[in-house]
């Protein structure tokens, strides 16, 4: 059976892997998948934070806002970060349906994807420093 720290390390590692894939998608101009992998990066790091804070298995949800709320760190985010989360949250479920997929794909310019990637990277790093590094 895995310890809490091993579970946190597991979620953190796959978050890092997802961020690496997001960067690859960005470099190859796969904008929709850049957004999706940014969502996955944050989902996994939020689950690591949940595991660390609550010492229990994270809930089976893909909703970033809900995960951050349940873990207790959503209120630590600025209004800008909350707005960013709302944007990235839509890249998971809505991106799987054709009408939404086309709409989202049209809204994601290369520059916007770069911004989303950088903000994802910053938020992931903040969770690592502020939440996961605490004893």
Protein backbone atom coordinates (compact mmCIF):
# COMPACT_ATOMS: atom_id res chain seq x y z
CA UNK A 1 0.00 0.00 0.00
CA UNK A 2 1.31 3.44 -0.94
CA UNK A 3 1.96 6.10 1.66
CA UNK A 4 0.46 9.56 1.35
CA UNK A 5 3.83 10.92 0.24
CA UNK A 6 4.10 8.25 -2.45
CA UNK A 7 0.62 9.13 -3.69
CA UNK A 8 1.50 12.83 -3.75
CA UNK A 9 4.68 11.97 -5.68
CA UNK A 10 2.62 9.87 -8.12
CA UNK A 11 0.16 12.70 -8.88
CA UNK A 12 3.00 15.21 -9.13
CA UNK A 13 4.96 13.04 -11.56
CA UNK A 14 2.04 12.58 -13.94
CA UNK A 15 1.31 16.31 -13.70
CA UNK A 16 4.92 16.95 -14.78
CA UNK A 17 4.55 14.43 -17.60
CA UNK A 18 1.32 16.11 -18.76
CA UNK A 19 3.04 19.51 -18.75
CA UNK A 20 5.81 18.08 -20.91
CA UNK A 21 3.22 16.76 -23.36
CA UNK A 22 1.48 20.17 -23.36
CA UNK A 23 4.79 21.78 -24.29
CA UNK A 24 5.28 19.28 -27.12
CA UNK A 25 1.76 19.96 -28.39
CA UNK A 26 2.44 23.71 -28.25
CA UNK A 27 5.69 23.36 -30.19
CA UNK A 28 3.89 21.30 -32.84
CA UNK A 29 1.01 23.77 -33.14
CA UNK A 30 -1.64 21.39 -31.79
CA UNK A 31 -3.57 24.13 -30.02
CA UNK A 32 -6.60 22.20 -28.82
CA UNK A 33 -4.39 19.49 -27.35
CA UNK A 34 -2.18 22.09 -25.73
CA UNK A 35 -5.23 23.34 -23.85
CA UNK A 36 -6.36 19.83 -22.98
CA UNK A 37 -2.94 18.85 -21.63
CA UNK A 38 -2.75 22.07 -19.61
CA UNK A 39 -6.06 21.02 -18.05
CA UNK A 40 -4.63 17.58 -17.32
CA UNK A 41 -1.50 19.11 -15.77
CA UNK A 42 -3.55 21.17 -13.35
CA UNK A 43 -5.98 18.37 -12.59
CA UNK A 44 -3.14 16.09 -11.50
CA UNK A 45 -1.32 18.72 -9.43
CA UNK A 46 -4.60 19.66 -7.75
CA UNK A 47 -5.14 15.99 -6.94
CA UNK A 48 -1.62 15.90 -5.48
CA UNK A 49 -2.55 18.92 -3.36
CA UNK A 50 -5.80 17.31 -2.29
CA UNK A 51 -3.97 14.10 -1.34
CA UNK A 52 -1.41 16.12 0.67
CA UNK A 53 -3.93 18.32 2.48
CA UNK A 54 -6.73 15.82 3.08
CA UNK A 55 -4.66 12.63 3.29
CA UNK A 56 -7.28 10.80 1.26
CA UNK A 57 -7.88 9.75 -2.32
CA UNK A 58 -8.89 12.71 -4.49
CA UNK A 59 -12.45 12.72 -5.79
CA UNK A 60 -13.19 11.34 -9.24
CA UNK A 61 -13.80 14.67 -10.93
CA UNK A 62 -12.16 16.61 -13.73
CA UNK A 63 -13.55 19.95 -12.53
CA UNK A 64 -10.51 22.05 -11.63
CA UNK A 65 -12.48 24.60 -9.65
CA UNK A 66 -14.19 21.91 -7.60
CA UNK A 67 -10.89 20.13 -6.92
CA UNK A 68 -9.25 23.37 -5.77
CA UNK A 69 -12.27 24.19 -3.58
CA UNK A 70 -12.36 20.73 -1.99
CA UNK A 71 -8.62 20.86 -1.30
CA UNK A 72 -9.05 24.26 0.33
CA UNK A 73 -6.71 26.31 -1.83
CA UNK A 74 -9.12 27.88 -4.32
CA UNK A 75 -9.61 30.89 -2.04
CA UNK A 76 -5.84 31.48 -2.13
CA UNK A 77 -6.01 32.26 -5.85
CA UNK A 78 -6.31 35.78 -7.22
CA UNK A 79 -9.33 36.76 -9.29
CA UNK A 80 -7.12 36.49 -12.38
CA UNK A 81 -6.10 32.94 -11.44
CA UNK A 82 -9.73 31.98 -10.81
CA UNK A 83 -10.67 33.34 -14.23
CA UNK A 84 -7.79 31.39 -15.78
CA UNK A 85 -9.00 28.20 -14.09
CA UNK A 86 -12.46 28.75 -15.48
CA UNK A 87 -10.99 29.01 -18.97
CA UNK A 88 -8.80 25.92 -18.65
CA UNK A 89 -11.63 23.97 -17.04
CA UNK A 90 -13.54 24.15 -20.33
CA UNK A 91 -10.74 22.39 -22.21
CA UNK A 92 -11.59 19.02 -20.69
CA UNK A 93 -15.22 18.08 -21.16
CA UNK A 94 -16.29 20.59 -23.78
CA UNK A 95 -13.28 19.81 -25.97
CA UNK A 96 -14.59 16.28 -26.45
CA UNK A 97 -17.77 17.31 -28.25
CA UNK A 98 -17.64 18.43 -31.92
CA UNK A 99 -19.51 21.73 -31.63
CA UNK A 100 -17.55 22.85 -28.59
CA UNK A 101 -14.32 21.43 -29.99
CA UNK A 102 -14.56 23.62 -33.09
CA UNK A 103 -15.54 26.68 -31.07
CA UNK A 104 -12.65 26.23 -28.65
CA UNK A 105 -10.16 25.45 -31.41
CA UNK A 106 -11.06 28.70 -33.18
CA UNK A 107 -10.49 30.70 -30.00
CA UNK A 108 -7.01 29.26 -29.40
CA UNK A 109 -4.42 31.22 -31.29
CA UNK A 110 -0.76 30.30 -31.00
CA UNK A 111 -0.21 33.32 -28.75
CA UNK A 112 -3.15 32.39 -26.51
CA UNK A 113 -1.83 28.83 -26.20
CA UNK A 114 1.57 30.16 -25.16
CA UNK A 115 -0.10 32.29 -22.49
CA UNK A 116 -2.16 29.33 -21.24
CA UNK A 117 0.92 27.13 -21.12
CA UNK A 118 2.92 29.70 -19.14
CA UNK A 119 0.05 30.30 -16.71
CA UNK A 120 -0.38 26.54 -16.26
CA UNK A 121 3.32 26.17 -15.58
CA UNK A 122 3.21 29.00 -13.03
CA UNK A 123 0.15 27.62 -11.24
CA UNK A 124 1.61 24.12 -11.13
CA UNK A 125 4.85 25.50 -9.67
CA UNK A 126 2.92 27.54 -7.09
CA UNK A 127 1.05 24.40 -5.93
CA UNK A 128 4.36 22.55 -5.66
CA UNK A 129 5.93 25.32 -3.59
CA UNK A 130 3.01 26.44 -1.46
CA UNK A 131 1.06 23.23 -0.93
CA UNK A 132 3.22 20.20 -1.61
CA UNK A 133 6.39 21.42 0.11
CA UNK A 134 4.61 21.88 3.47
CA UNK A 135 5.18 19.24 6.12
